[in-house]
Protein backbone atom coordinates (compact mmCIF):
# COMPACT_ATOMS: atom_id res chain seq x y z
CA UNK A 1 -12.63 -2.60 10.35
CA UNK A 2 -9.26 -1.03 9.88
CA UNK A 3 -6.69 -1.19 12.77
CA UNK A 4 -4.13 1.52 13.33
CA UNK A 5 -1.08 1.63 15.67
CA UNK A 6 -0.37 4.94 16.96
CA UNK A 7 0.25 6.11 20.29
CA UNK A 8 -0.94 9.24 19.41
CA UNK A 9 -5.19 9.20 18.96
CA UNK A 10 -5.49 12.51 18.24
CA UNK A 11 -4.02 12.23 14.83
CA UNK A 12 -7.11 10.14 13.92
CA UNK A 13 -9.70 12.87 15.01
CA UNK A 14 -13.18 10.96 14.43
CA UNK A 15 -12.02 8.29 13.11
CA UNK A 16 -11.07 5.90 15.74
CA UNK A 17 -14.43 3.54 17.03
CA UNK A 18 -13.16 1.69 19.70
CA UNK A 19 -9.28 1.43 21.05
CA UNK A 20 -7.27 -1.39 23.13
CA UNK A 21 -4.07 -0.69 25.56
CA UNK A 22 -2.76 -3.78 27.21
CA UNK A 23 0.08 -4.85 29.01
CA UNK A 24 2.09 -7.34 27.44
CA UNK A 25 5.03 -9.46 29.14
CA UNK A 26 7.03 -10.79 26.37
CA UNK A 27 9.24 -13.01 28.20
CA UNK A 28 6.17 -15.34 29.37
CA UNK A 29 3.54 -14.55 26.22
CA UNK A 30 1.34 -13.23 28.87
CA UNK A 31 -1.57 -10.75 28.67
CA UNK A 32 -1.57 -8.94 32.37
CA UNK A 33 -4.03 -6.58 31.53
CA UNK A 34 -6.45 -4.95 29.14
CA UNK A 35 -8.16 -1.81 28.98
CA UNK A 36 -10.87 -1.37 26.40
CA UNK A 37 -13.14 1.48 24.81
CA UNK A 38 -15.37 1.87 22.17
CA UNK A 39 -17.63 -0.39 19.67
CA UNK A 40 -15.01 -3.19 18.88
CA UNK A 41 -17.98 -5.04 17.63
CA UNK A 42 -18.06 -8.94 18.25
CA UNK A 43 -16.00 -11.20 20.20
CA UNK A 44 -13.61 -11.92 16.77
CA UNK A 45 -14.01 -8.41 15.98
CA UNK A 46 -12.48 -7.78 19.86
CA UNK A 47 -10.42 -10.42 20.06
CA UNK A 48 -8.72 -9.44 16.46
CA UNK A 49 -8.16 -5.79 18.33
CA UNK A 50 -6.59 -7.40 21.38
CA UNK A 51 -4.64 -8.94 19.61
CA UNK A 52 -3.69 -6.06 17.12
CA UNK A 53 -2.53 -4.38 20.28
CA UNK A 54 -0.25 -7.24 21.43
CA UNK A 55 1.24 -6.98 18.22
CA UNK A 56 1.70 -3.02 18.80
CA UNK A 57 2.82 -3.25 22.42
CA UNK A 58 5.99 -6.26 21.17
CA UNK A 59 7.01 -4.06 18.27
CA UNK A 60 7.54 -0.76 20.27
CA UNK A 61 9.02 -2.47 22.65
CA UNK A 62 11.63 -3.37 20.60
CA UNK A 63 11.71 0.38 19.12
CA UNK A 64 12.57 1.46 22.86
CA UNK A 65 15.02 -1.36 23.58
CA UNK A 66 16.93 0.37 20.80
CA UNK A 67 16.65 3.78 21.47
CA UNK A 68 18.19 2.95 25.20
CA UNK A 69 21.06 1.42 24.03
CA UNK A 70 21.79 3.26 20.89
CA UNK A 71 21.71 6.07 23.76
CA UNK A 72 23.98 4.34 25.99
CA UNK A 73 26.24 3.97 23.29
CA UNK A 74 26.63 7.42 23.68
CA UNK A 75 26.35 8.28 26.54
CA UNK A 76 28.87 5.36 27.67
CA UNK A 77 30.64 4.25 25.33
CA UNK A 78 32.61 1.52 26.96
CA UNK A 79 29.06 -0.20 29.14
CA UNK A 80 27.99 -0.64 25.69
CA UNK A 81 31.09 -2.55 24.32
CA UNK A 82 30.58 -4.49 27.36
CA UNK A 83 26.68 -5.37 26.72
CA UNK A 84 26.59 -5.55 22.76
CA UNK A 85 25.66 -2.03 21.81
CA UNK A 86 25.07 -1.32 19.01
CA UNK A 87 24.08 1.35 16.10
CA UNK A 88 20.31 1.41 15.10
CA UNK A 89 19.09 1.98 11.72
CA UNK A 90 15.94 2.66 12.10
CA UNK A 91 13.32 2.20 9.04
CA UNK A 92 9.50 3.39 8.21
């Protein structure tokens, strides 16, 4: 089973057999909520799907945090410097 970590499932119409959405609290390393739909397979495959969803949630949080800091630096440069704002080079 191939994993697609994408917030826009419409781009993968017909290819998705299962989906998982997690509410992940990184500071506590805790999954607070799990929503699943589709045929995730056996217990091992289901656990793998949830684990990859947690990884996607953590990665998304970092991107969102960097974007907020970057916008903070644009709109409020003096505040951004006070909280250690920095410019972000996007990759990928």
